[in-house]
Amino acid sequence: MEREKHTLYAFILCIFCKSCTKNMYFLTLFHSGSVIGYASQKPWLLNATLRENILFGQPFRPRRYGRIIEACSLQPDIDILPGKDLTEIGEKGINLSGGQKQRVAVARALYSQANVVILVSSCSSNDPELL
C-alpha cells in the first residue's frame, strides 16, 4: 500500500479480537518513515493544564487547537472548568472523568505531528452522544 504525503492515517484497534494480529501486521507497513501518535485504552494525564496535556510540548497553534477541541467534543468540558483550558488537571489539579481523560488523550494524539495515529479502544469510556 502506497502512502500519500500530508495524509493522516488513523487506526482504531480493539483488544482481544481476532483481527488485532492483522491490524498489527498492517501497522508495520506504515512504521518506516512515519511519525506515530498513540492513545491507549487507559489514558494518562500530566500534572499540568488541560492545554499543556494536549500540546505535549508542541507549539500552540490556535486554529489547529480549536479544530481538535471541536473534533474531540472537549468544548463542553472546557466550558465548565474554572480556568477553561488553563485549568490544572491531574493528581494536583481538577479530577476528570474517564471519558474526559480519554478525549484529552485522543486530542493529544491528534495534535501531535503524527501522520499515523493509533487509538486503542479509545472510545470505550466516552458517552455515546459524543461519538
Protein backbone atom coordinates (compact mmCIF):
# COMPACT_ATOMS: atom_id res chain seq x y z
CA MET A 1 0.00 0.00 0.00
CA GLU A 2 1.40 3.35 -1.00
CA ARG A 3 1.16 6.26 1.44
CA GLU A 4 0.24 9.73 0.26
CA LYS A 5 2.15 12.75 1.52
CA HIS A 6 0.30 15.03 4.01
CA THR A 7 -2.27 12.37 4.84
CA LEU A 8 -3.24 11.33 8.36
CA TYR A 9 -3.94 7.66 8.87
CA ALA A 10 -5.88 6.65 11.98
CA PHE A 11 -6.28 3.11 13.24
CA ILE A 12 -8.74 2.24 15.96
CA LEU A 13 -7.65 -1.04 17.47
CA CYS A 14 -9.70 -3.26 19.70
CA ILE A 15 -8.23 -5.62 22.22
CA PHE A 16 -8.83 -9.34 22.40
CA CYS A 17 -10.25 -9.72 18.93
CA LYS A 18 -9.14 -11.97 16.08
CA SER A 19 -8.37 -9.10 13.72
CA CYS A 20 -5.82 -7.47 16.08
CA THR A 21 -2.99 -9.58 14.72
CA LYS A 22 -3.86 -8.44 11.23
CA ASN A 23 -4.05 -4.84 12.44
CA MET A 24 -0.59 -5.00 13.99
CA TYR A 25 0.83 -6.52 10.77
CA PHE A 26 -0.87 -3.76 8.77
CA LEU A 27 0.66 -1.11 11.04
CA THR A 28 4.17 -2.39 10.42
CA LEU A 29 3.66 -1.40 6.78
CA PHE A 30 3.30 2.22 7.92
CA HIS A 31 6.08 2.25 10.51
CA SER A 32 9.01 3.02 8.22
CA GLY A 33 9.36 6.79 7.92
CA SER A 34 6.15 7.51 9.83
CA VAL A 35 5.60 9.59 12.92
CA ILE A 36 3.14 7.71 15.10
CA GLY A 37 0.66 9.19 17.62
CA TYR A 38 -0.86 6.89 20.21
CA ALA A 39 -3.81 6.98 22.62
CA SER A 40 -4.02 3.92 24.84
CA GLN A 41 -7.08 2.30 26.30
CA LYS A 42 -6.14 3.62 29.74
CA PRO A 43 -5.44 7.35 29.33
CA TRP A 44 -2.94 9.21 31.46
CA LEU A 45 -2.51 12.90 32.18
CA LEU A 46 0.38 15.15 33.06
CA ASN A 47 0.14 17.25 36.21
CA ALA A 48 -0.32 20.33 34.07
CA THR A 49 -3.05 22.39 32.45
CA LEU A 50 -5.52 20.80 30.09
CA ARG A 51 -3.95 22.76 27.23
CA GLU A 52 -0.45 21.54 28.13
CA ASN A 53 -1.77 17.97 28.21
CA ILE A 54 -2.98 18.36 24.64
CA LEU A 55 0.00 20.30 23.29
CA PHE A 56 2.51 17.92 24.91
CA GLY A 57 5.43 20.23 24.13
CA GLN A 58 4.22 21.27 20.67
CA PRO A 59 3.80 24.99 19.92
CA PHE A 60 0.30 26.42 20.46
CA ARG A 61 -1.46 26.90 17.13
CA PRO A 62 -4.89 28.39 17.96
CA ARG A 63 -6.68 27.35 14.77
CA ARG A 64 -5.44 23.75 14.87
CA TYR A 65 -6.08 23.58 18.61
CA GLY A 66 -9.66 24.82 18.18
CA ARG A 67 -10.41 22.29 15.43
CA ILE A 68 -9.10 19.44 17.58
CA ILE A 69 -11.07 20.61 20.63
CA GLU A 70 -14.20 20.57 18.46
CA ALA A 71 -13.41 17.21 16.85
CA CYS A 72 -12.86 15.60 20.28
CA SER A 73 -16.02 17.16 21.80
CA LEU A 74 -13.94 18.82 24.54
CA GLN A 75 -15.55 22.29 24.43
CA PRO A 76 -18.39 21.46 26.87
CA ASP A 77 -15.80 20.04 29.29
CA ILE A 78 -13.58 23.11 28.94
CA ASP A 79 -16.54 25.44 29.48
CA ILE A 80 -17.24 24.01 32.96
CA LEU A 81 -13.62 24.18 34.16
CA PRO A 82 -12.82 27.20 36.38
CA GLY A 83 -9.83 28.31 34.29
CA LYS A 84 -11.13 26.89 30.99
CA ASP A 85 -8.29 25.05 29.20
CA LEU A 86 -5.69 26.64 31.50
CA THR A 87 -7.09 24.71 34.48
CA GLU A 88 -4.59 22.42 36.20
CA ILE A 89 -5.64 18.78 35.84
CA GLY A 90 -4.18 15.51 37.08
CA GLU A 91 -3.19 14.49 40.60
CA LYS A 92 -2.53 18.07 41.75
CA GLY A 93 -5.46 19.66 39.97
CA ILE A 94 -9.05 19.07 38.93
CA ASN A 95 -10.07 15.43 38.58
CA LEU A 96 -11.54 14.49 35.21
CA SER A 97 -13.92 11.62 34.44
CA GLY A 98 -12.74 8.61 32.45
CA GLY A 99 -14.42 9.89 29.30
CA GLN A 100 -12.88 13.35 29.70
CA LYS A 101 -9.42 11.84 30.19
CA GLN A 102 -9.92 9.72 27.08
CA ARG A 103 -10.94 12.74 24.99
CA VAL A 104 -7.84 14.64 26.18
CA ALA A 105 -5.64 11.65 25.24
CA VAL A 106 -7.21 11.45 21.76
CA ALA A 107 -6.81 15.23 21.34
CA ARG A 108 -3.11 14.89 22.30
CA ALA A 109 -2.60 12.18 19.68
CA LEU A 110 -4.36 14.25 17.02
CA TYR A 111 -2.49 17.47 17.91
CA SER A 112 0.87 15.75 17.53
CA GLN A 113 2.67 15.99 14.22
CA ALA A 114 1.96 12.30 13.60
CA ASN A 115 0.84 11.07 10.20
CA VAL A 116 -0.28 7.76 11.74
CA VAL A 117 -2.49 7.79 14.85
CA ILE A 118 -3.22 4.60 16.78
CA LEU A 119 -6.29 4.65 19.04
CA VAL A 120 -6.58 1.53 21.19
CA SER A 121 -10.19 1.19 22.40
CA SER A 122 -10.19 4.97 22.80
CA CYS A 123 -13.98 5.28 22.56
CA SER A 124 -14.77 2.82 25.33
CA SER A 125 -15.04 5.45 28.10
CA ASN A 126 -16.95 8.05 26.13
CA ASP A 127 -20.63 8.82 26.24
CA PRO A 128 -22.45 7.62 23.09
CA GLU A 129 -23.70 11.10 22.22
CA LEU A 130 -20.11 12.36 21.97
CA LEU A 131 -19.01 9.75 19.43
